[in-house]
PDB file of N, CA and C in Angstrom:
ATOM      1  N   MET A   1      98.442  88.665 113.523  1.00  0.00           N
ATOM      2  CA  MET A   1      98.628  89.488 114.728  1.00  0.00           C
ATOM      3  C   MET A   1      97.738  88.996 115.842  1.00  0.00           C
ATOM      4  N   SER A   2      98.099  89.089 117.029  1.00  0.00           N
ATOM      5  CA  SER A   2      97.322  88.729 118.170  1.00  0.00           C
ATOM      6  C   SER A   2      96.361  89.833 118.597  1.00  0.00           C
ATOM      7  N   THR A   3      95.369  89.537 119.180  1.00  0.00           N
ATOM      8  CA  THR A   3      94.465  90.584 119.761  1.00  0.00           C
ATOM      9  C   THR A   3      95.102  91.555 120.735  1.00  0.00           C
ATOM     10  N   PRO A   4      95.765  91.143 121.610  1.00  0.00           N
ATOM     11  CA  PRO A   4      96.455  92.036 122.478  1.00  0.00           C
ATOM     12  C   PRO A   4      97.406  93.082 121.865  1.00  0.00           C
ATOM     13  N   PHE A   5      98.110  92.552 120.712  1.00  0.00           N
ATOM     14  CA  PHE A   5      99.026  93.426 120.012  1.00  0.00           C
ATOM     15  C   PHE A   5      98.143  94.467 119.248  1.00  0.00           C
ATOM     16  N   VAL A   6      97.106  94.028 118.674  1.00  0.00           N
ATOM     17  CA  VAL A   6      96.210  94.906 117.844  1.00  0.00           C
ATOM     18  C   VAL A   6      95.696  95.979 118.936  1.00  0.00           C
ATOM     19  N   GLY A   7      95.313  95.556 120.054  1.00  0.00           N
ATOM     20  CA  GLY A   7      94.732  96.480 121.039  1.00  0.00           C
ATOM     21  C   GLY A   7      95.815  97.396 121.556  1.00  0.00           C
ATOM     22  N   MET A   8      97.044  96.986 121.670  1.00  0.00           N
ATOM     23  CA  MET A   8      98.191  97.974 122.001  1.00  0.00           C
ATOM     24  C   MET A   8      98.330  98.983 120.992  1.00  0.00           C
ATOM     25  N   ILE A   9      98.353  98.586 119.808  1.00  0.00           N
ATOM     26  CA  ILE A   9      98.517  99.536 118.591  1.00  0.00           C
ATOM     27  C   ILE A   9      97.368 100.571 118.551  1.00  0.00           C
ATOM     28  N   ALA A  10      96.213 100.072 118.828  1.00  0.00           N
ATOM     29  CA  ALA A  10      95.047 101.017 118.817  1.00  0.00           C
ATOM     30  C   ALA A  10      95.243 101.941 119.990  1.00  0.00           C
ATOM     31  N   GLY A  11      95.512 101.481 121.096  1.00  0.00           N
ATOM     32  CA  GLY A  11      95.805 102.406 122.255  1.00  0.00           C
ATOM     33  C   GLY A  11      96.907 103.312 122.155  1.00  0.00           C
ATOM     34  N   MET A  12      97.903 102.938 121.466  1.00  0.00           N
ATOM     35  CA  MET A  12      98.920 103.888 121.099  1.00  0.00           C
ATOM     36  C   MET A  12      98.490 105.054 120.158  1.00  0.00           C
ATOM     37  N   ALA A  13      97.750 104.616 119.141  1.00  0.00           N
ATOM     38  CA  ALA A  13      97.360 105.561 118.235  1.00  0.00           C
ATOM     39  C   ALA A  13      96.360 106.581 118.836  1.00  0.00           C
ATOM     40  N   LEU A  14      95.468 106.097 119.698  1.00  0.00           N
ATOM     41  CA  LEU A  14      94.687 107.071 120.449  1.00  0.00           C
ATOM     42  C   LEU A  14      95.462 107.966 121.412  1.00  0.00           C
ATOM     43  N   ALA A  15      96.443 107.406 122.109  1.00  0.00           N
ATOM     44  CA  ALA A  15      97.280 108.265 122.929  1.00  0.00           C
ATOM     45  C   ALA A  15      97.989 109.314 122.139  1.00  0.00           C
ATOM     46  N   PHE A  16      98.590 108.984 121.009  1.00  0.00           N
ATOM     47  CA  PHE A  16      99.277 109.955 120.130  1.00  0.00           C
ATOM     48  C   PHE A  16      98.229 111.024 119.607  1.00  0.00           C
ATOM     49  N   ALA A  17      97.088 110.651 119.237  1.00  0.00           N
ATOM     50  CA  ALA A  17      96.126 111.496 118.702  1.00  0.00           C
ATOM     51  C   ALA A  17      95.754 112.440 119.836  1.00  0.00           C
ATOM     52  N   GLY A  18      95.519 111.933 121.046  1.00  0.00           N
ATOM     53  CA  GLY A  18      95.079 112.856 122.270  1.00  0.00           C
ATOM     54  C   GLY A  18      96.257 113.738 122.647  1.00  0.00           C
ATOM     55  N   TRP A  19      97.423 113.254 122.658  1.00  0.00           N
ATOM     56  CA  TRP A  19      98.576 114.107 123.029  1.00  0.00           C
ATOM     57  C   TRP A  19      98.849 115.216 122.043  1.00  0.00           C
ATOM     58  N   PHE A  20      98.915 114.846 120.672  1.00  0.00           N
ATOM     59  CA  PHE A  20      99.388 115.916 119.711  1.00  0.00           C
ATOM     60  C   PHE A  20      98.193 116.749 119.178  1.00  0.00           C
ATOM     61  N   GLY A  21      97.029 116.068 119.213  1.00  0.00           N
ATOM     62  CA  GLY A  21      95.869 116.873 118.473  1.00  0.00           C
ATOM     63  C   GLY A  21      94.758 117.216 119.341  1.00  0.00           C
ATOM     64  N   GLY A  22      94.811 116.853 120.669  1.00  0.00           N
ATOM     65  CA  GLY A  22      93.753 117.258 121.684  1.00  0.00           C
ATOM     66  C   GLY A  22      92.636 116.288 121.713  1.00  0.00           C
ATOM     67  N   PHE A  23      91.557 116.567 122.352  1.00  0.00           N
ATOM     68  CA  PHE A  23      90.527 115.774 122.673  1.00  0.00           C
ATOM     69  C   PHE A  23      89.695 115.465 121.478  1.00  0.00           C
ATOM     70  N   GLY A  24      89.581 116.440 120.508  1.00  0.00           N
ATOM     71  CA  GLY A  24      88.805 116.377 119.279  1.00  0.00           C
ATOM     72  C   GLY A  24      89.465 115.295 118.437  1.00  0.00           C
ATOM     73  N   ALA A  25      90.821 115.343 118.251  1.00  0.00           N
ATOM     74  CA  ALA A  25      91.554 114.283 117.500  1.00  0.00           C
ATOM     75  C   ALA A  25      91.352 112.923 118.082  1.00  0.00           C
ATOM     76  N   PHE A  26      91.389 112.835 119.428  1.00  0.00           N
ATOM     77  CA  PHE A  26      91.133 111.649 120.243  1.00  0.00           C
ATOM     78  C   PHE A  26      89.794 111.007 119.814  1.00  0.00           C
ATOM     79  N   LEU A  27      88.798 111.767 119.845  1.00  0.00           N
ATOM     80  CA  LEU A  27      87.432 111.277 119.484  1.00  0.00           C
ATOM     81  C   LEU A  27      87.330 110.817 118.044  1.00  0.00           C
ATOM     82  N   LEU A  28      87.969 111.699 117.204  1.00  0.00           N
ATOM     83  CA  LEU A  28      87.912 111.345 115.767  1.00  0.00           C
ATOM     84  C   LEU A  28      88.712 109.944 115.558  1.00  0.00           C
ATOM     85  N   VAL A  29      89.839 109.711 116.096  1.00  0.00           N
ATOM     86  CA  VAL A  29      90.498 108.459 115.863  1.00  0.00           C
ATOM     87  C   VAL A  29      89.721 107.344 116.484  1.00  0.00           C
ATOM     88  N   ALA A  30      89.174 107.560 117.726  1.00  0.00           N
ATOM     89  CA  ALA A  30      88.250 106.491 118.310  1.00  0.00           C
ATOM     90  C   ALA A  30      87.150 106.088 117.441  1.00  0.00           C
ATOM     91  N   ALA A  31      86.443 107.183 116.893  1.00  0.00           N
ATOM     92  CA  ALA A  31      85.272 106.915 116.042  1.00  0.00           C
ATOM     93  C   ALA A  31      85.612 106.197 114.821  1.00  0.00           C
ATOM     94  N   LEU A  32      86.722 106.664 114.236  1.00  0.00           N
ATOM     95  CA  LEU A  32      87.122 105.917 112.931  1.00  0.00           C
ATOM     96  C   LEU A  32      87.685 104.498 113.235  1.00  0.00           C
ATOM     97  N   GLY A  33      88.275 104.330 114.352  1.00  0.00           N
ATOM     98  CA  GLY A  33      88.767 103.085 114.718  1.00  0.00           C
ATOM     99  C   GLY A  33      87.569 102.047 114.976  1.00  0.00           C
ATOM    100  N   ALA A  34      86.485 102.557 115.700  1.00  0.00           N
ATOM    101  CA  ALA A  34      85.235 101.832 115.741  1.00  0.00           C
ATOM    102  C   ALA A  34      84.649 101.493 114.451  1.00  0.00           C
ATOM    103  N   LEU A  35      84.572 102.415 113.552  1.00  0.00           N
ATOM    104  CA  LEU A  35      84.030 102.238 112.185  1.00  0.00           C
ATOM    105  C   LEU A  35      84.826 101.173 111.440  1.00  0.00           C
ATOM    106  N   GLY A  36      86.102 101.294 111.569  1.00  0.00           N
ATOM    107  CA  GLY A  36      86.928 100.249 110.855  1.00  0.00           C
ATOM    108  C   GLY A  36      86.776  98.842 111.410  1.00  0.00           C
ATOM    109  N   TRP A  37      86.495  98.765 112.823  1.00  0.00           N
ATOM    110  CA  TRP A  37      86.249  97.491 113.446  1.00  0.00           C
ATOM    111  C   TRP A  37      84.935  96.856 112.898  1.00  0.00           C
ATOM    112  N   VAL A  38      83.942  97.773 112.838  1.00  0.00           N
ATOM    113  CA  VAL A  38      82.603  97.186 112.315  1.00  0.00           C
ATOM    114  C   VAL A  38      82.647  96.781 110.952  1.00  0.00           C
ATOM    115  N   LEU A  39      83.371  97.573 110.039  1.00  0.00           N
ATOM    116  CA  LEU A  39      83.511  97.305 108.807  1.00  0.00           C
ATOM    117  C   LEU A  39      84.393  95.918 108.544  1.00  0.00           C
ATOM    118  N   GLY A  40      85.379  95.837 109.368  1.00  0.00           N
ATOM    119  CA  GLY A  40      86.134  94.600 109.318  1.00  0.00           C
ATOM    120  C   GLY A  40      85.300  93.347 109.659  1.00  0.00           C
ATOM    121  N   ARG A  41      84.470  93.501 110.794  1.00  0.00           N
ATOM    122  CA  ARG A  41      83.690  92.399 111.086  1.00  0.00           C
ATOM    123  C   ARG A  41      82.658  92.038 110.059  1.00  0.00           C
ATOM    124  N   TRP A  42      82.162  93.089 109.364  1.00  0.00           N
ATOM    125  CA  TRP A  42      81.161  92.933 108.196  1.00  0.00           C
ATOM    126  C   TRP A  42      81.812  92.195 107.116  1.00  0.00           C
ATOM    127  N   ALA A  43      83.040  92.570 106.694  1.00  0.00           N
ATOM    128  CA  ALA A  43      83.865  91.987 105.647  1.00  0.00           C
ATOM    129  C   ALA A  43      84.225  90.445 105.974  1.00  0.00           C
ATOM    130  N   GLU A  44      84.496  90.390 107.247  1.00  0.00           N
ATOM    131  CA  GLU A  44      85.012  89.025 107.756  1.00  0.00           C
ATOM    132  C   GLU A  44      83.730  88.071 107.640  1.00  0.00           C
ATOM    133  N   GLY A  45      82.544  88.603 107.802  1.00  0.00           N
ATOM    134  CA  GLY A  45      81.294  87.831 107.686  1.00  0.00           C
ATOM    135  C   GLY A  45      80.818  87.594 106.200  1.00  0.00           C
ATOM    136  N   GLY A  46      81.699  87.850 105.277  1.00  0.00           N
ATOM    137  CA  GLY A  46      81.211  87.713 103.957  1.00  0.00           C
ATOM    138  C   GLY A  46      80.506  88.925 103.351  1.00  0.00           C
ATOM    139  N   GLY A  47      80.490  89.950 104.030  1.00  0.00           N
ATOM    140  CA  GLY A  47      79.751  91.079 103.515  1.00  0.00           C
ATOM    141  C   GLY A  47      78.146  91.120 103.653  1.00  0.00           C
ATOM    142  N   SER A  48      77.742  90.209 104.480  1.00  0.00           N
ATOM    143  CA  SER A  48      76.270  90.071 104.470  1.00  0.00           C
ATOM    144  C   SER A  48      75.868  90.757 105.774  1.00  0.00           C
ATOM    145  N   ILE A  49      74.463  90.765 105.854  1.00  0.00           N
ATOM    146  CA  ILE A  49      73.851  91.375 107.043  1.00  0.00           C
ATOM    147  C   ILE A  49      74.146  90.519 108.283  1.00  0.00           C
ATOM    148  N   ARG A  50      74.443  89.282 108.149  1.00  0.00           N
ATOM    149  CA  ARG A  50      74.756  88.417 109.149  1.00  0.00           C
ATOM    150  C   ARG A  50      76.013  88.897 109.949  1.00  0.00           C
ATOM    151  N   GLY A  51      76.959  89.436 109.252  1.00  0.00           N
ATOM    152  CA  GLY A  51      78.166  90.018 109.846  1.00  0.00           C
ATOM    153  C   GLY A  51      77.802  91.222 110.765  1.00  0.00           C
ATOM    154  N   VAL A  52      76.796  91.994 110.468  1.00  0.00           N
ATOM    155  CA  VAL A  52      76.402  93.174 111.264  1.00  0.00           C
ATOM    156  C   VAL A  52      75.582  92.504 112.458  1.00  0.00           C
ATOM    157  N   ARG A  53      74.777  91.499 112.282  1.00  0.00           N
ATOM    158  CA  ARG A  53      74.091  90.847 113.320  1.00  0.00           C
ATOM    159  C   ARG A  53      75.172  90.214 114.406  1.00  0.00           C
ATOM    160  N   ASP A  54      76.313  89.659 113.907  1.00  0.00           N
ATOM    161  CA  ASP A  54      77.297  89.220 114.778  1.00  0.00           C
ATOM    162  C   ASP A  54      77.865  90.260 115.712  1.00  0.00           C
ATOM    163  N   VAL A  55      78.026  91.456 115.152  1.00  0.00           N
ATOM    164  CA  VAL A  55      78.594  92.660 115.905  1.00  0.00           C
ATOM    165  C   VAL A  55      77.582  92.955 116.988  1.00  0.00           C
ATOM    166  N   ARG A  56      76.282  93.109 116.590  1.00  0.00           N
ATOM    167  CA  ARG A  56      75.298  93.339 117.616  1.00  0.00           C
ATOM    168  C   ARG A  56      75.188  92.208 118.675  1.00  0.00           C
ATOM    169  N   ASP A  57      75.267  91.075 118.312  1.00  0.00           N
ATOM    170  CA  ASP A  57      75.182  89.945 119.221  1.00  0.00           C
ATOM    171  C   ASP A  57      76.443  90.007 120.174  1.00  0.00           C
ATOM    172  N   ALA A  58      77.570  90.390 119.706  1.00  0.00           N
ATOM    173  CA  ALA A  58      78.719  90.394 120.578  1.00  0.00           C
ATOM    174  C   ALA A  58      78.540  91.503 121.713  1.00  0.00           C
ATOM    175  N   PHE A  59      77.895  92.650 121.330  1.00  0.00           N
ATOM    176  CA  PHE A  59      77.740  93.643 122.389  1.00  0.00           C
ATOM    177  C   PHE A  59      76.659  93.189 123.314  1.00  0.00           C
ATOM    178  N   GLU A  60      75.627  92.493 122.906  1.00  0.00           N
ATOM    179  CA  GLU A  60      74.446  92.035 123.690  1.00  0.00           C
ATOM    180  C   GLU A  60      74.977  90.887 124.697  1.00  0.00           C
ATOM    181  N   ARG A  61      76.019  90.064 124.225  1.00  0.00           N
ATOM    182  CA  ARG A  61      76.465  89.033 125.121  1.00  0.00           C
ATOM    183  C   ARG A  61      77.361  89.718 126.187  1.00  0.00           C
ATOM    184  N   ASN A  62      77.919  90.706 125.937  1.00  0.00           N
ATOM    185  CA  ASN A  62      78.770  91.423 126.974  1.00  0.00           C
ATOM    186  C   ASN A  62      77.957  92.023 128.037  1.00  0.00           C
ATOM    187  N   ARG A  63      76.727  92.427 127.730  1.00  0.00           N
ATOM    188  CA  ARG A  63      75.901  93.054 128.688  1.00  0.00           C
ATOM    189  C   ARG A  63      75.259  92.048 129.582  1.00  0.00           C
ATOM    190  N   ARG A  64      75.236  90.846 129.410  1.00  0.00           N
ATOM    191  CA  ARG A  64      74.595  89.779 130.182  1.00  0.00           C
ATOM    192  C   ARG A  64      75.380  89.415 131.313  1.00  0.00           C
TER     193      ARG A  64
END
């Protein structure tokens, strides 16, 4: 799957959660989605601490 397609699916999930469940459900889906993304990056990195560092570095690069 392409990145834009995955982003669209995530956005639709957040929209449905917000529409049908309210703001609390929206926040829960967003938090669980972020956790899933971090765990996916960790698993993609071989399950090592290096994968977590890659996530941190990705956020630091975006701030520059």
